[in-house]
Amino acid sequence: MNRTVLLSVIAITILIVAGCKQSKYAATNKIYKEQAKAFAKVLEAYPLHDSAGLSYASDWVGTTNFTMRRPNYVIIHHTAQNSCEQTLKTFTVKGQREVSAHYVICKDGTVHHMLNDLLRAHHAGVSKWGNATDINSASVGIELDNNGFETFTEAQLNSLILLLQRLKNAYNIPAANFIGHGDIAPTRKNDPNWRFPWKQFSEKGFGLWWSDTTAVQVPAHFDYLSALRIVGYDIRDTSAAIQSFKRHFLQDTTKRMTPAADKILFSLYKKYQ
């Protein structure tokens, strides 16, 4: 095979591979666009038809002062699957588990943006943080490719930092509202796993953390359950709430409070006073 023919074969191969990459999710991208158009029609409808039996005024009066609803939380997950491709497949199959996230970050740092930030992903499930009970409607969900038993890669964490900074700037999300799936669903979830470097991220403005507790004196009357609730945890299952708190702030997966945990919780609790 001469050089010209060889180069032509290589060029054709590159085009075929590129075409495959572009068309791999063509079918699901089409469904996404159709769904977005359907939602747009709902937004255009006025007055919105419902079956509540309310008596509406006969004339619609459209206000001129409105914007899109914006997320106020960022929830960090691990995928609990064995590859980025497996997770992308899970999130693009319609009619089965119907789970999704706004972003998936692969081990090599590649970021897949899967849903407009202003739309509602199905990532949080039954969850609670403080008084918020419909976390899906108020949050952005980010999945890190990790089976739950691995250390997160440097490339992955670097991409996450850049993404979180963009989200924080775009939507003015408070530092305290960057939390984990295990924090909002302590009886069901443990992600991101205990290896996630929450301290490193808190130093960049994503999540709260605690300072040196050597000199901290915990009052004798300190109610750690009330403190957990004030920080945000759902304390209906006491053991699960303690475990979730310790996993996040101590990288410890046990279910009992300790003097060290008391000091850390008391330090965090005071931030809310």
Protein backbone atom coordinates (compact mmCIF):
# COMPACT_ATOMS: atom_id res chain seq x y z
CA MET A 1 0.00 0.00 0.00
CA ASN A 2 1.54 3.33 -1.07
CA ARG A 3 1.76 6.36 1.22
CA THR A 4 -1.14 8.25 -0.44
CA VAL A 5 -3.54 5.33 -0.09
CA LEU A 6 -2.44 4.73 3.50
CA LEU A 7 -3.11 8.37 4.43
CA SER A 8 -6.50 8.18 2.77
CA VAL A 9 -7.43 5.08 4.76
CA ILE A 10 -6.30 6.75 7.98
CA ALA A 11 -8.31 9.88 7.18
CA ILE A 12 -11.45 7.85 6.42
CA THR A 13 -10.98 5.86 9.64
CA ILE A 14 -10.70 9.07 11.66
CA LEU A 15 -13.90 10.41 10.09
CA ILE A 16 -15.74 7.16 10.81
CA VAL A 17 -14.59 7.15 14.44
CA ALA A 18 -15.54 10.81 14.83
CA GLY A 19 -18.93 10.11 13.30
CA CYS A 20 -19.49 7.23 15.71
CA LYS A 21 -18.66 9.44 18.67
CA GLN A 22 -21.03 12.11 17.45
CA SER A 23 -23.89 9.69 16.75
CA LYS A 24 -23.50 7.39 19.78
CA TYR A 25 -26.03 9.39 21.79
CA ALA A 26 -27.90 10.88 18.83
CA ALA A 27 -31.09 9.03 19.75
CA THR A 28 -31.10 10.15 23.38
CA ASN A 29 -30.11 13.69 22.41
CA LYS A 30 -33.17 13.74 20.14
CA ILE A 31 -35.38 12.65 23.05
CA TYR A 32 -33.84 15.40 25.21
CA LYS A 33 -34.70 18.05 22.59
CA GLU A 34 -38.25 16.75 22.19
CA GLN A 35 -38.77 16.77 25.96
CA ALA A 36 -37.39 20.32 26.22
CA LYS A 37 -39.78 21.47 23.48
CA ALA A 38 -42.70 19.85 25.32
CA PHE A 39 -41.75 21.71 28.51
CA ALA A 40 -41.46 24.95 26.54
CA LYS A 41 -45.06 24.52 25.36
CA VAL A 42 -46.19 24.13 28.96
CA LEU A 43 -44.40 27.36 29.88
CA GLU A 44 -46.03 29.18 26.98
CA ALA A 45 -49.54 28.10 28.01
CA TYR A 46 -51.60 30.69 29.85
CA PRO A 47 -53.49 30.39 31.98
CA LEU A 48 -52.09 27.00 32.93
CA HIS A 49 -54.85 24.41 32.95
CA ASP A 50 -55.19 22.38 36.13
CA SER A 51 -57.78 20.21 37.81
CA ALA A 52 -57.74 21.93 41.22
CA GLY A 53 -61.18 23.44 40.68
CA LEU A 54 -59.95 26.98 41.28
CA SER A 55 -61.89 29.91 39.91
CA TYR A 56 -59.49 31.95 37.79
CA ALA A 57 -60.02 35.46 36.52
CA SER A 58 -61.24 35.40 32.93
CA ASP A 59 -58.32 37.47 31.65
CA TRP A 60 -54.70 36.43 31.92
CA VAL A 61 -52.47 39.28 33.11
CA GLY A 62 -48.86 38.38 32.34
CA THR A 63 -46.30 39.93 34.67
CA THR A 64 -43.22 41.41 33.05
CA ASN A 65 -40.99 40.71 36.04
CA PHE A 66 -39.76 37.12 36.16
CA THR A 67 -36.76 34.88 35.57
CA MET A 68 -36.04 31.16 35.51
CA ARG A 69 -35.87 29.36 38.85
CA ARG A 70 -32.29 28.80 39.94
CA PRO A 71 -30.64 26.01 41.97
CA ASN A 72 -29.65 26.74 45.56
CA TYR A 73 -27.85 23.48 46.38
CA VAL A 74 -25.20 21.31 44.78
CA ILE A 75 -25.32 17.62 45.64
CA ILE A 76 -22.19 15.52 45.06
CA HIS A 77 -22.53 11.80 44.36
CA HIS A 78 -20.43 8.83 43.40
CA THR A 79 -21.91 6.73 40.63
CA ALA A 80 -21.60 3.32 42.38
CA GLN A 81 -20.88 1.92 38.92
CA ASN A 82 -17.71 0.69 37.27
CA SER A 83 -17.21 3.13 34.42
CA CYS A 84 -18.27 6.46 33.02
CA GLU A 85 -19.79 4.71 30.01
CA GLN A 86 -21.93 2.53 32.25
CA THR A 87 -23.29 5.61 34.03
CA LEU A 88 -23.97 7.47 30.79
CA LYS A 89 -25.92 4.44 29.60
CA THR A 90 -27.92 4.33 32.86
CA PHE A 91 -28.81 8.00 32.50
CA THR A 92 -29.87 7.68 28.86
CA VAL A 93 -32.24 4.69 29.16
CA LYS A 94 -35.85 5.85 29.31
CA GLY A 95 -38.55 4.06 31.25
CA GLN A 96 -36.47 1.96 33.64
CA ARG A 97 -34.77 3.45 36.71
CA GLU A 98 -35.34 7.00 35.39
CA VAL A 99 -32.37 8.40 37.30
CA SER A 100 -30.26 11.27 36.06
CA ALA A 101 -27.84 14.03 37.03
CA HIS A 102 -26.85 17.36 35.57
CA TYR A 103 -23.18 16.41 35.29
CA VAL A 104 -21.04 13.26 35.21
CA ILE A 105 -17.29 13.62 35.75
CA CYS A 106 -15.13 10.74 34.53
CA LYS A 107 -11.89 9.57 36.13
CA ASP A 108 -9.84 11.32 33.43
CA GLY A 109 -11.52 14.64 34.25
CA THR A 110 -13.93 14.67 31.30
CA VAL A 111 -17.17 16.44 32.21
CA HIS A 112 -20.43 15.34 30.60
CA HIS A 113 -23.14 18.00 30.91
CA MET A 114 -26.36 15.98 30.67
CA LEU A 115 -29.11 18.41 31.67
CA ASN A 116 -29.62 22.15 31.67
CA ASP A 117 -28.90 23.49 35.18
CA LEU A 118 -32.37 25.04 35.36
CA LEU A 119 -34.19 21.76 34.77
CA ARG A 120 -34.97 19.16 37.43
CA ALA A 121 -32.80 16.03 37.45
CA HIS A 122 -33.72 12.81 39.26
CA HIS A 123 -30.63 12.46 41.45
CA ALA A 124 -31.54 13.08 45.09
CA GLY A 125 -34.55 10.83 45.54
CA VAL A 126 -36.25 10.78 48.93
CA SER A 127 -34.08 13.21 50.87
CA LYS A 128 -34.09 16.05 53.36
CA TRP A 129 -31.73 18.84 54.40
CA GLY A 130 -32.92 21.25 57.04
CA ASN A 131 -36.48 22.11 56.05
CA ALA A 132 -35.94 21.30 52.37
CA THR A 133 -37.64 18.06 51.35
CA ASP A 134 -37.75 18.29 47.55
CA ILE A 135 -34.02 18.55 46.96
CA ASN A 136 -34.33 17.65 43.27
CA SER A 137 -36.28 20.84 42.63
CA ALA A 138 -33.66 23.08 44.23
CA SER A 139 -30.34 21.53 43.31
CA VAL A 140 -27.74 20.56 40.74
CA GLY A 141 -26.61 16.94 40.89
CA ILE A 142 -23.02 15.97 40.08
CA GLU A 143 -21.95 12.34 39.71
CA LEU A 144 -18.29 11.34 40.07
CA ASP A 145 -17.31 8.12 38.31
CA ASN A 146 -16.42 5.96 41.31
CA ASN A 147 -17.77 2.59 42.40
CA GLY A 148 -17.85 3.67 46.04
CA PHE A 149 -14.66 1.90 47.09
CA GLU A 150 -12.11 4.00 45.21
CA THR A 151 -10.10 7.15 45.77
CA PHE A 152 -11.18 10.03 43.56
CA THR A 153 -8.62 10.93 40.89
CA GLU A 154 -6.76 14.24 40.78
CA ALA A 155 -8.06 14.98 37.28
CA GLN A 156 -11.61 14.32 38.44
CA LEU A 157 -11.32 16.59 41.48
CA ASN A 158 -9.69 19.36 39.45
CA SER A 159 -12.60 19.32 37.00
CA LEU A 160 -15.04 19.30 39.90
CA ILE A 161 -13.44 22.39 41.43
CA LEU A 162 -13.77 24.30 38.15
CA LEU A 163 -17.39 23.20 37.76
CA LEU A 164 -18.33 24.10 41.34
CA GLN A 165 -16.78 27.54 40.95
CA ARG A 166 -18.85 28.17 37.85
CA LEU A 167 -22.04 27.02 39.58
CA LYS A 168 -21.33 29.06 42.69
CA ASN A 169 -20.72 32.20 40.65
CA ALA A 170 -23.66 31.65 38.31
CA TYR A 171 -26.29 30.97 40.97
CA ASN A 172 -24.80 32.56 44.10
CA ILE A 173 -24.95 29.27 45.98
CA PRO A 174 -23.92 29.57 49.67
CA ALA A 175 -20.84 27.61 50.77
CA ALA A 176 -22.93 25.61 53.26
CA ASN A 177 -25.15 24.30 50.44
CA PHE A 178 -22.47 22.16 48.79
CA ILE A 179 -23.22 18.77 50.34
CA GLY A 180 -23.19 15.06 49.63
CA HIS A 181 -25.93 12.62 48.76
CA GLY A 182 -25.20 10.75 51.99
CA ASP A 183 -25.85 13.96 53.94
CA ILE A 184 -29.36 14.39 52.57
CA ALA A 185 -30.32 10.69 52.52
CA PRO A 186 -28.43 9.17 55.47
CA THR A 187 -30.51 6.00 55.70
CA ARG A 188 -30.06 5.13 52.01
CA LYS A 189 -26.84 6.58 50.67
CA ASN A 190 -23.16 6.97 51.54
CA ASP A 191 -21.90 8.97 48.58
CA PRO A 192 -19.53 10.48 47.94
CA ASN A 193 -17.64 7.83 49.87
CA TRP A 194 -15.51 8.68 52.93
CA ARG A 195 -12.44 9.24 50.73
CA PHE A 196 -13.87 12.45 49.27
CA PRO A 197 -11.68 15.41 50.40
CA TRP A 198 -14.33 17.68 51.90
CA LYS A 199 -11.72 19.71 53.79
CA GLN A 200 -9.88 20.57 50.57
CA PHE A 201 -13.14 21.66 48.94
CA SER A 202 -14.28 23.69 51.94
CA GLU A 203 -11.05 25.67 51.73
CA LYS A 204 -12.11 26.70 48.23
CA GLY A 205 -15.58 27.74 49.39
CA PHE A 206 -17.54 24.54 48.77
CA GLY A 207 -19.00 23.21 52.00
CA LEU A 208 -18.44 24.05 55.64
CA TRP A 209 -15.56 22.73 57.73
CA TRP A 210 -14.17 23.03 61.23
CA SER A 211 -11.01 24.60 62.66
CA ASP A 212 -8.62 23.22 65.26
CA THR A 213 -10.72 21.89 68.13
CA THR A 214 -7.93 21.44 70.69
CA ALA A 215 -9.17 24.27 72.87
CA VAL A 216 -12.89 23.68 72.26
CA GLN A 217 -14.91 23.06 75.42
CA VAL A 218 -18.19 21.29 74.76
CA PRO A 219 -20.86 22.37 77.30
CA ALA A 220 -22.17 19.64 79.57
CA HIS A 221 -25.71 20.34 78.37
CA PHE A 222 -24.80 20.10 74.66
CA ASP A 223 -27.53 18.26 72.73
CA TYR A 224 -25.76 16.67 69.78
CA LEU A 225 -29.00 15.55 68.13
CA SER A 226 -30.40 19.07 68.08
CA ALA A 227 -27.05 20.27 66.73
CA LEU A 228 -27.14 17.69 63.93
CA ARG A 229 -30.65 18.86 63.04
CA ILE A 230 -29.61 22.52 63.02
CA VAL A 231 -26.64 21.77 60.76
CA GLY A 232 -29.12 20.12 58.36
CA TYR A 233 -29.25 16.38 59.05
CA ASP A 234 -32.47 14.41 59.22
CA ILE A 235 -32.27 12.88 62.71
CA ARG A 236 -35.26 10.55 62.53
CA ASP A 237 -32.76 7.69 62.30
CA THR A 238 -30.20 8.75 64.90
CA SER A 239 -27.52 6.20 64.01
CA ALA A 240 -27.74 7.00 60.28
CA ALA A 241 -27.47 10.74 60.93
CA ILE A 242 -24.40 10.28 63.16
CA GLN A 243 -22.74 8.00 60.62
CA SER A 244 -23.41 10.43 57.78
CA PHE A 245 -22.02 13.35 59.80
CA LYS A 246 -18.88 11.41 60.79
CA ARG A 247 -18.31 10.15 57.25
CA HIS A 248 -18.39 13.73 55.93
CA PHE A 249 -16.44 15.52 58.65
CA LEU A 250 -14.16 12.83 60.13
CA GLN A 251 -13.80 10.29 57.29
CA ASP A 252 -15.14 7.81 59.85
CA THR A 253 -18.00 5.43 59.04
CA THR A 254 -18.91 4.36 62.59
CA LYS A 255 -22.27 5.20 64.19
CA ARG A 256 -21.42 6.45 67.69
CA MET A 257 -20.59 9.96 68.83
CA THR A 258 -17.15 10.39 70.37
CA PRO A 259 -15.51 13.28 72.24
CA ALA A 260 -13.71 14.28 69.01
CA ALA A 261 -16.97 14.19 67.05
CA ASP A 262 -18.71 16.23 69.77
CA LYS A 263 -16.08 18.97 69.47
CA ILE A 264 -16.35 19.11 65.69
CA LEU A 265 -20.15 19.14 65.75
CA PHE A 266 -20.18 21.85 68.41
CA SER A 267 -17.82 23.95 66.28
CA LEU A 268 -20.09 23.58 63.25
CA TYR A 269 -23.22 24.18 65.30
CA LYS A 270 -21.86 27.54 66.47
CA LYS A 271 -21.55 28.67 62.83
CA TYR A 272 -25.35 28.58 62.65
CA GLN A 273 -25.89 30.69 65.79
